[in-house]
Amino acid sequence: MKNIQQLRTKTESPREQWVDVTVDIDPDHHMVRLIESNGDIHEYLSNNVRALAHAAAHNRGRAQWCEKYRQLLVPGASNVSGGIAFYKLEPKPVALSA
């Protein structure tokens, strides 16, 4: 039987944490940039980029990111997006050099 400390350590892995980010969106390229408080920038793609842009604008670009599930939570977004507050993001493909 696992003790509480073992369970807590497992569920508190960095990949399962929700991190505060600022969202910058390029709708023409379906690109979503997540900017962490330390300045690190991560780029993703979204099939629902226009709705996400609208939701992020409503929330002044503030959101929370979970790397493990590739889910972006935009608090309050459901008020302007028809009930959607979570957005699935896909990693940006890496360009292959010739």
Protein backbone atom coordinates (compact mmCIF):
# COMPACT_ATOMS: atom_id res chain seq x y z
CA MET A 1 0.00 0.00 0.00
CA LYS A 2 1.35 3.40 -0.97
CA ASN A 3 1.63 6.06 1.67
CA ILE A 4 0.43 9.62 1.20
CA GLN A 5 3.96 10.97 0.65
CA GLN A 6 4.50 8.55 -2.27
CA LEU A 7 1.18 9.55 -3.82
CA ARG A 8 1.87 13.23 -3.30
CA THR A 9 5.31 12.95 -4.93
CA LYS A 10 3.83 11.15 -7.92
CA THR A 11 1.03 13.67 -8.49
CA GLU A 12 3.24 16.70 -7.94
CA SER A 13 5.61 15.95 -10.79
CA PRO A 14 6.46 19.10 -12.78
CA ARG A 15 4.71 17.74 -15.87
CA GLU A 16 1.38 17.63 -14.03
CA GLN A 17 1.54 21.13 -12.65
CA TRP A 18 -0.60 23.95 -13.96
CA VAL A 19 1.71 26.86 -14.76
CA ASP A 20 0.63 30.49 -15.14
CA VAL A 21 1.38 31.71 -18.66
CA THR A 22 0.70 34.64 -20.94
CA VAL A 23 -0.85 33.67 -24.28
CA ASP A 24 0.16 35.28 -27.58
CA ILE A 25 -1.74 34.08 -30.66
CA ASP A 26 -1.04 34.25 -34.38
CA PRO A 27 -4.41 33.21 -35.88
CA ASP A 28 -3.16 33.25 -39.48
CA HIS A 29 -0.69 30.46 -38.71
CA HIS A 30 -2.77 28.71 -36.00
CA MET A 31 0.17 29.43 -33.69
CA VAL A 32 -0.12 29.76 -29.92
CA ARG A 33 2.85 31.05 -27.92
CA LEU A 34 2.89 30.44 -24.19
CA ILE A 35 5.16 32.74 -22.24
CA GLU A 36 6.11 31.63 -18.75
CA SER A 37 6.81 34.10 -15.94
CA ASN A 38 10.56 33.38 -16.30
CA GLY A 39 10.41 34.43 -19.98
CA ASP A 40 10.57 30.95 -21.52
CA ILE A 41 8.50 30.77 -24.71
CA HIS A 42 6.85 27.59 -26.01
CA GLU A 43 5.07 27.37 -29.37
CA TYR A 44 2.07 25.16 -30.13
CA LEU A 45 -0.60 24.77 -32.77
CA SER A 46 -4.35 24.86 -32.23
CA ASN A 47 -7.24 23.81 -34.45
CA ASN A 48 -9.48 26.15 -32.46
CA VAL A 49 -7.21 29.19 -32.64
CA ARG A 50 -9.88 31.82 -33.36
CA ALA A 51 -12.01 30.85 -30.35
CA LEU A 52 -8.86 30.67 -28.23
CA ALA A 53 -7.79 34.13 -29.42
CA HIS A 54 -11.19 35.53 -28.47
CA ALA A 55 -11.09 33.87 -25.05
CA ALA A 56 -7.51 34.99 -24.38
CA ALA A 57 -8.32 38.58 -25.39
CA HIS A 58 -11.24 38.55 -22.95
CA ASN A 59 -8.86 37.43 -20.18
CA ARG A 60 -6.00 39.78 -21.21
CA GLY A 61 -3.85 36.82 -22.28
CA ARG A 62 -3.73 35.13 -18.89
CA ALA A 63 -4.02 31.36 -18.75
CA GLN A 64 -2.76 28.21 -17.10
CA TRP A 65 -0.90 25.43 -18.92
CA CYS A 66 -0.55 21.71 -18.13
CA GLU A 67 2.28 20.20 -20.17
CA LYS A 68 1.35 16.59 -19.41
CA TYR A 69 -2.11 16.84 -20.96
CA ARG A 70 -1.28 19.70 -23.37
CA GLN A 71 -4.29 21.57 -22.03
CA LEU A 72 -4.58 25.33 -21.77
CA LEU A 73 -7.09 26.66 -19.27
CA VAL A 74 -8.31 30.20 -19.91
CA PRO A 75 -10.18 31.21 -16.75
CA GLY A 76 -13.44 32.99 -17.51
CA ALA A 77 -13.28 31.98 -21.18
CA SER A 78 -16.49 30.00 -20.97
CA ASN A 79 -18.33 33.32 -20.64
CA VAL A 80 -17.31 34.33 -24.18
CA SER A 81 -16.59 31.02 -25.90
CA GLY A 82 -19.84 29.12 -25.57
CA GLY A 83 -18.77 27.13 -22.53
CA ILE A 84 -15.21 26.23 -23.60
CA ALA A 85 -12.49 27.00 -21.04
CA PHE A 86 -9.95 24.27 -21.95
CA TYR A 87 -8.04 24.12 -25.23
CA LYS A 88 -5.92 21.24 -26.51
CA LEU A 89 -2.62 22.34 -28.04
CA GLU A 90 -0.31 20.32 -30.27
CA PRO A 91 3.46 20.75 -30.42
CA LYS A 92 4.74 22.86 -33.27
CA PRO A 93 6.48 20.62 -35.83
CA VAL A 94 10.23 20.98 -35.89
CA ALA A 95 11.58 22.21 -39.23
CA LEU A 96 13.95 19.73 -40.80
CA SER A 97 17.17 21.14 -42.19
CA ALA A 98 18.22 20.23 -45.72
